[in-house]
Amino acid sequence: VGAVNYLLATGFHGNVMTPFAEGAYVMWRIRPRGGRVSYDSRFEAAYPPSVTRRHDAFYAAAPGWE
């Protein structure tokens, strides 16, 4: 909540890399300003399996995450 409040207070506009659980909240708060999130809880309906794998690899710092 604090990080999102900071983004809103500073006038941030852009994309945000978000963990799965927090993505929906961040999207809900920043979306009216045009922001987008990398991932959220709509994963089964909105994201192909390849996005899920790449996103999980990034957060796990798995080989090839770069």
PDB file of N, CA and C in Angstrom:
ATOM      1  N   VAL A   1       0.831  -1.188   0.000  1.00  0.00           N
ATOM      2  CA  VAL A   1       0.000   0.000   0.000  1.00  0.00           C
ATOM      3  C   VAL A   1       0.874   1.249   0.000  1.00  0.00           C
ATOM      4  N   GLY A   2       1.923   1.234   0.804  1.00  0.00           N
ATOM      5  CA  GLY A   2       2.803   2.394   0.884  1.00  0.00           C
ATOM      6  C   GLY A   2       3.488   2.691  -0.435  1.00  0.00           C
ATOM      7  N   ALA A   3       3.944   1.661  -1.131  1.00  0.00           N
ATOM      8  CA  ALA A   3       4.617   1.861  -2.416  1.00  0.00           C
ATOM      9  C   ALA A   3       3.652   2.438  -3.452  1.00  0.00           C
ATOM     10  N   VAL A   4       2.433   1.948  -3.474  1.00  0.00           N
ATOM     11  CA  VAL A   4       1.442   2.469  -4.418  1.00  0.00           C
ATOM     12  C   VAL A   4       1.083   3.905  -4.058  1.00  0.00           C
ATOM     13  N   ASN A   5       0.928   4.192  -2.791  1.00  0.00           N
ATOM     14  CA  ASN A   5       0.652   5.570  -2.378  1.00  0.00           C
ATOM     15  C   ASN A   5       1.773   6.508  -2.817  1.00  0.00           C
ATOM     16  N   TYR A   6       3.010   6.044  -2.704  1.00  0.00           N
ATOM     17  CA  TYR A   6       4.146   6.844  -3.145  1.00  0.00           C
ATOM     18  C   TYR A   6       4.074   7.114  -4.645  1.00  0.00           C
ATOM     19  N   LEU A   7       3.801   6.074  -5.429  1.00  0.00           N
ATOM     20  CA  LEU A   7       3.694   6.256  -6.875  1.00  0.00           C
ATOM     21  C   LEU A   7       2.615   7.266  -7.225  1.00  0.00           C
ATOM     22  N   LEU A   8       1.482   7.168  -6.567  1.00  0.00           N
ATOM     23  CA  LEU A   8       0.389   8.097  -6.837  1.00  0.00           C
ATOM     24  C   LEU A   8       0.742   9.513  -6.403  1.00  0.00           C
ATOM     25  N   ALA A   9       1.388   9.654  -5.255  1.00  0.00           N
ATOM     26  CA  ALA A   9       1.744  10.982  -4.735  1.00  0.00           C
ATOM     27  C   ALA A   9       2.780  11.686  -5.601  1.00  0.00           C
ATOM     28  N   THR A  10       3.639  10.914  -6.261  1.00  0.00           N
ATOM     29  CA  THR A  10       4.687  11.520  -7.082  1.00  0.00           C
ATOM     30  C   THR A  10       4.263  11.690  -8.540  1.00  0.00           C
ATOM     31  N   GLY A  11       3.044  11.323  -8.860  1.00  0.00           N
ATOM     32  CA  GLY A  11       2.551  11.488 -10.217  1.00  0.00           C
ATOM     33  C   GLY A  11       3.086  10.472 -11.203  1.00  0.00           C
ATOM     34  N   PHE A  12       3.501   9.331 -10.719  1.00  0.00           N
ATOM     35  CA  PHE A  12       4.052   8.281 -11.568  1.00  0.00           C
ATOM     36  C   PHE A  12       3.074   7.879 -12.661  1.00  0.00           C
ATOM     37  N   HIS A  13       3.593   7.725 -13.874  1.00  0.00           N
ATOM     38  CA  HIS A  13       2.833   7.170 -15.001  1.00  0.00           C
ATOM     39  C   HIS A  13       3.734   6.140 -15.666  1.00  0.00           C
ATOM     40  N   GLY A  14       3.268   4.927 -15.776  1.00  0.00           N
ATOM     41  CA  GLY A  14       4.079   3.910 -16.436  1.00  0.00           C
ATOM     42  C   GLY A  14       3.695   2.521 -16.007  1.00  0.00           C
ATOM     43  N   ASN A  15       4.555   1.594 -16.320  1.00  0.00           N
ATOM     44  CA  ASN A  15       4.325   0.186 -16.018  1.00  0.00           C
ATOM     45  C   ASN A  15       5.018  -0.198 -14.726  1.00  0.00           C
ATOM     46  N   VAL A  16       4.439  -1.177 -14.019  1.00  0.00           N
ATOM     47  CA  VAL A  16       4.977  -1.614 -12.738  1.00  0.00           C
ATOM     48  C   VAL A  16       5.148  -3.129 -12.756  1.00  0.00           C
ATOM     49  N   MET A  17       6.329  -3.584 -12.373  1.00  0.00           N
ATOM     50  CA  MET A  17       6.577  -5.022 -12.226  1.00  0.00           C
ATOM     51  C   MET A  17       5.994  -5.442 -10.884  1.00  0.00           C
ATOM     52  N   THR A  18       5.019  -6.326 -10.933  1.00  0.00           N
ATOM     53  CA  THR A  18       4.313  -6.705  -9.705  1.00  0.00           C
ATOM     54  C   THR A  18       4.329  -8.208  -9.484  1.00  0.00           C
ATOM     55  N   PRO A  19       4.391  -8.617  -8.218  1.00  0.00           N
ATOM     56  CA  PRO A  19       4.197 -10.034  -7.908  1.00  0.00           C
ATOM     57  C   PRO A  19       2.733 -10.417  -8.158  1.00  0.00           C
ATOM     58  N   PHE A  20       2.491 -11.697  -8.276  1.00  0.00           N
ATOM     59  CA  PHE A  20       1.152 -12.212  -8.556  1.00  0.00           C
ATOM     60  C   PHE A  20       0.099 -11.675  -7.584  1.00  0.00           C
ATOM     61  N   ALA A  21       0.324 -11.850  -6.301  1.00  0.00           N
ATOM     62  CA  ALA A  21      -0.701 -11.516  -5.305  1.00  0.00           C
ATOM     63  C   ALA A  21      -1.006 -10.024  -5.249  1.00  0.00           C
ATOM     64  N   GLU A  22      -0.010  -9.187  -5.435  1.00  0.00           N
ATOM     65  CA  GLU A  22      -0.200  -7.749  -5.309  1.00  0.00           C
ATOM     66  C   GLU A  22      -0.634  -7.081  -6.606  1.00  0.00           C
ATOM     67  N   GLY A  23      -0.502  -7.778  -7.719  1.00  0.00           N
ATOM     68  CA  GLY A  23      -0.774  -7.174  -9.015  1.00  0.00           C
ATOM     69  C   GLY A  23      -2.169  -6.596  -9.168  1.00  0.00           C
ATOM     70  N   ALA A  24      -3.176  -7.309  -8.702  1.00  0.00           N
ATOM     71  CA  ALA A  24      -4.549  -6.822  -8.850  1.00  0.00           C
ATOM     72  C   ALA A  24      -4.761  -5.525  -8.065  1.00  0.00           C
ATOM     73  N   TYR A  25      -4.204  -5.455  -6.866  1.00  0.00           N
ATOM     74  CA  TYR A  25      -4.350  -4.231  -6.067  1.00  0.00           C
ATOM     75  C   TYR A  25      -3.654  -3.054  -6.742  1.00  0.00           C
ATOM     76  N   VAL A  26      -2.425  -3.282  -7.196  1.00  0.00           N
ATOM     77  CA  VAL A  26      -1.676  -2.206  -7.839  1.00  0.00           C
ATOM     78  C   VAL A  26      -2.411  -1.744  -9.093  1.00  0.00           C
ATOM     79  N   MET A  27      -2.899  -2.675  -9.886  1.00  0.00           N
ATOM     80  CA  MET A  27      -3.635  -2.318 -11.095  1.00  0.00           C
ATOM     81  C   MET A  27      -4.877  -1.495 -10.753  1.00  0.00           C
ATOM     82  N   TRP A  28      -5.591  -1.910  -9.754  1.00  0.00           N
ATOM     83  CA  TRP A  28      -6.813  -1.204  -9.340  1.00  0.00           C
ATOM     84  C   TRP A  28      -6.504   0.237  -8.956  1.00  0.00           C
ATOM     85  N   ARG A  29      -5.381   0.435  -8.273  1.00  0.00           N
ATOM     86  CA  ARG A  29      -5.039   1.783  -7.814  1.00  0.00           C
ATOM     87  C   ARG A  29      -4.427   2.673  -8.896  1.00  0.00           C
ATOM     88  N   ILE A  30      -3.567   2.121  -9.760  1.00  0.00           N
ATOM     89  CA  ILE A  30      -2.870   2.988 -10.717  1.00  0.00           C
ATOM     90  C   ILE A  30      -3.533   3.044 -12.088  1.00  0.00           C
ATOM     91  N   ARG A  31      -4.426   2.140 -12.382  1.00  0.00           N
ATOM     92  CA  ARG A  31      -5.025   2.061 -13.708  1.00  0.00           C
ATOM     93  C   ARG A  31      -5.676   3.355 -14.176  1.00  0.00           C
ATOM     94  N   PRO A  32      -6.393   4.062 -13.341  1.00  0.00           N
ATOM     95  CA  PRO A  32      -7.018   5.296 -13.842  1.00  0.00           C
ATOM     96  C   PRO A  32      -5.997   6.305 -14.388  1.00  0.00           C
ATOM     97  N   ARG A  33      -4.761   6.194 -13.962  1.00  0.00           N
ATOM     98  CA  ARG A  33      -3.724   7.110 -14.442  1.00  0.00           C
ATOM     99  C   ARG A  33      -2.977   6.543 -15.647  1.00  0.00           C
ATOM    100  N   GLY A  34      -3.382   5.406 -16.130  1.00  0.00           N
ATOM    101  CA  GLY A  34      -2.760   4.841 -17.307  1.00  0.00           C
ATOM    102  C   GLY A  34      -1.676   3.824 -17.039  1.00  0.00           C
ATOM    103  N   GLY A  35      -1.447   3.491 -15.792  1.00  0.00           N
ATOM    104  CA  GLY A  35      -0.410   2.518 -15.484  1.00  0.00           C
ATOM    105  C   GLY A  35      -0.841   1.097 -15.804  1.00  0.00           C
ATOM    106  N   ARG A  36       0.143   0.245 -16.010  1.00  0.00           N
ATOM    107  CA  ARG A  36      -0.118  -1.172 -16.243  1.00  0.00           C
ATOM    108  C   ARG A  36       0.768  -1.993 -15.333  1.00  0.00           C
ATOM    109  N   VAL A  37       0.298  -3.203 -15.021  1.00  0.00           N
ATOM    110  CA  VAL A  37       1.078  -4.111 -14.188  1.00  0.00           C
ATOM    111  C   VAL A  37       1.597  -5.259 -15.036  1.00  0.00           C
ATOM    112  N   SER A  38       2.660  -5.909 -14.550  1.00  0.00           N
ATOM    113  CA  SER A  38       3.237  -7.018 -15.297  1.00  0.00           C
ATOM    114  C   SER A  38       2.431  -8.303 -15.152  1.00  0.00           C
ATOM    115  N   TYR A  39       1.722  -8.442 -14.046  1.00  0.00           N
ATOM    116  CA  TYR A  39       1.069  -9.714 -13.746  1.00  0.00           C
ATOM    117  C   TYR A  39       0.071  -9.501 -12.629  1.00  0.00           C
ATOM    118  N   ASP A  40      -1.047 -10.201 -12.691  1.00  0.00           N
ATOM    119  CA  ASP A  40      -2.028 -10.105 -11.607  1.00  0.00           C
ATOM    120  C   ASP A  40      -2.845 -11.389 -11.550  1.00  0.00           C
ATOM    121  N   SER A  41      -3.808 -11.418 -10.659  1.00  0.00           N
ATOM    122  CA  SER A  41      -4.529 -12.647 -10.360  1.00  0.00           C
ATOM    123  C   SER A  41      -5.476 -13.110 -11.467  1.00  0.00           C
ATOM    124  N   ARG A  42      -5.559 -12.397 -12.579  1.00  0.00           N
ATOM    125  CA  ARG A  42      -6.378 -12.864 -13.703  1.00  0.00           C
ATOM    126  C   ARG A  42      -5.574 -13.784 -14.608  1.00  0.00           C
ATOM    127  N   PHE A  43      -4.472 -14.324 -14.107  1.00  0.00           N
ATOM    128  CA  PHE A  43      -3.506 -15.022 -14.947  1.00  0.00           C
ATOM    129  C   PHE A  43      -4.115 -16.064 -15.867  1.00  0.00           C
ATOM    130  N   GLU A  44      -5.103 -16.811 -15.409  1.00  0.00           N
ATOM    131  CA  GLU A  44      -5.666 -17.875 -16.244  1.00  0.00           C
ATOM    132  C   GLU A  44      -6.451 -17.321 -17.428  1.00  0.00           C
ATOM    133  N   ALA A  45      -7.019 -16.147 -17.274  1.00  0.00           N
ATOM    134  CA  ALA A  45      -7.832 -15.562 -18.341  1.00  0.00           C
ATOM    135  C   ALA A  45      -7.059 -14.574 -19.201  1.00  0.00           C
ATOM    136  N   ALA A  46      -6.040 -13.948 -18.654  1.00  0.00           N
ATOM    137  CA  ALA A  46      -5.399 -12.836 -19.351  1.00  0.00           C
ATOM    138  C   ALA A  46      -3.991 -13.105 -19.847  1.00  0.00           C
ATOM    139  N   TYR A  47      -3.316 -14.110 -19.317  1.00  0.00           N
ATOM    140  CA  TYR A  47      -1.913 -14.309 -19.653  1.00  0.00           C
ATOM    141  C   TYR A  47      -1.663 -15.721 -20.184  1.00  0.00           C
ATOM    142  N   PRO A  48      -0.918 -15.840 -21.277  1.00  0.00           N
ATOM    143  CA  PRO A  48      -0.566 -17.175 -21.757  1.00  0.00           C
ATOM    144  C   PRO A  48       0.433 -17.836 -20.804  1.00  0.00           C
ATOM    145  N   PRO A  49       0.521 -19.153 -20.813  1.00  0.00           N
ATOM    146  CA  PRO A  49       1.444 -19.850 -19.912  1.00  0.00           C
ATOM    147  C   PRO A  49       2.893 -19.365 -20.021  1.00  0.00           C
ATOM    148  N   SER A  50       3.313 -18.929 -21.190  1.00  0.00           N
ATOM    149  CA  SER A  50       4.694 -18.460 -21.346  1.00  0.00           C
ATOM    150  C   SER A  50       4.974 -17.227 -20.491  1.00  0.00           C
ATOM    151  N   VAL A  51       3.992 -16.361 -20.322  1.00  0.00           N
ATOM    152  CA  VAL A  51       4.169 -15.178 -19.479  1.00  0.00           C
ATOM    153  C   VAL A  51       4.319 -15.602 -18.024  1.00  0.00           C
ATOM    154  N   THR A  52       3.516 -16.549 -17.595  1.00  0.00           N
ATOM    155  CA  THR A  52       3.604 -17.042 -16.220  1.00  0.00           C
ATOM    156  C   THR A  52       4.986 -17.621 -15.958  1.00  0.00           C
ATOM    157  N   ARG A  53       5.491 -18.431 -16.884  1.00  0.00           N
ATOM    158  CA  ARG A  53       6.821 -19.023 -16.703  1.00  0.00           C
ATOM    159  C   ARG A  53       7.910 -17.957 -16.633  1.00  0.00           C
ATOM    160  N   ARG A  54       7.864 -16.971 -17.530  1.00  0.00           N
ATOM    161  CA  ARG A  54       8.893 -15.921 -17.531  1.00  0.00           C
ATOM    162  C   ARG A  54       8.804 -15.066 -16.272  1.00  0.00           C
ATOM    163  N   HIS A  55       7.611 -14.765 -15.856  1.00  0.00           N
ATOM    164  CA  HIS A  55       7.420 -13.947 -14.663  1.00  0.00           C
ATOM    165  C   HIS A  55       7.936 -14.670 -13.427  1.00  0.00           C
ATOM    166  N   ASP A  56       7.589 -15.945 -13.300  1.00  0.00           N
ATOM    167  CA  ASP A  56       8.065 -16.740 -12.160  1.00  0.00           C
ATOM    168  C   ASP A  56       9.580 -16.877 -12.177  1.00  0.00           C
ATOM    169  N   ALA A  57      10.159 -17.056 -13.367  1.00  0.00           N
ATOM    170  CA  ALA A  57      11.616 -17.172 -13.483  1.00  0.00           C
ATOM    171  C   ALA A  57      12.304 -15.879 -13.049  1.00  0.00           C
ATOM    172  N   PHE A  58      11.728 -14.738 -13.388  1.00  0.00           N
ATOM    173  CA  PHE A  58      12.300 -13.452 -12.983  1.00  0.00           C
ATOM    174  C   PHE A  58      12.343 -13.340 -11.462  1.00  0.00           C
ATOM    175  N   TYR A  59      11.224 -13.598 -10.812  1.00  0.00           N
ATOM    176  CA  TYR A  59      11.174 -13.454  -9.355  1.00  0.00           C
ATOM    177  C   TYR A  59      12.014 -14.485  -8.622  1.00  0.00           C
ATOM    178  N   ALA A  60      12.242 -15.627  -9.249  1.00  0.00           N
ATOM    179  CA  ALA A  60      13.080 -16.665  -8.629  1.00  0.00           C
ATOM    180  C   ALA A  60      14.562 -16.499  -9.004  1.00  0.00           C
ATOM    181  N   ALA A  61      14.865 -15.540  -9.874  1.00  0.00           N
ATOM    182  CA  ALA A  61      16.216 -15.351 -10.410  1.00  0.00           C
ATOM    183  C   ALA A  61      16.741 -16.668 -10.984  1.00  0.00           C
ATOM    184  N   ALA A  62      15.852 -17.378 -11.655  1.00  0.00           N
ATOM    185  CA  ALA A  62      16.200 -18.663 -12.268  1.00  0.00           C
ATOM    186  C   ALA A  62      17.115 -18.440 -13.467  1.00  0.00           C
ATOM    187  N   PRO A  63      17.878 -19.439 -13.858  1.00  0.00           N
ATOM    188  CA  PRO A  63      18.733 -19.294 -15.033  1.00  0.00           C
ATOM    189  C   PRO A  63      17.920 -18.804 -16.244  1.00  0.00           C
ATOM    190  N   GLY A  64      18.454 -17.809 -16.922  1.00  0.00           N
ATOM    191  CA  GLY A  64      17.791 -17.247 -18.083  1.00  0.00           C
ATOM    192  C   GLY A  64      16.779 -16.160 -17.798  1.00  0.00           C
ATOM    193  N   TRP A  65      16.643 -15.725 -16.556  1.00  0.00           N
ATOM    194  CA  TRP A  65      15.633 -14.717 -16.230  1.00  0.00           C
ATOM    195  C   TRP A  65      15.898 -13.389 -16.921  1.00  0.00           C
ATOM    196  N   GLU A  66      17.142 -13.143 -17.295  1.00  0.00           N
ATOM    197  CA  GLU A  66      17.471 -11.874 -17.928  1.00  0.00           C
ATOM    198  C   GLU A  66      16.714 -11.715 -19.228  1.00  0.00           C
TER     199      GLU A  66
END
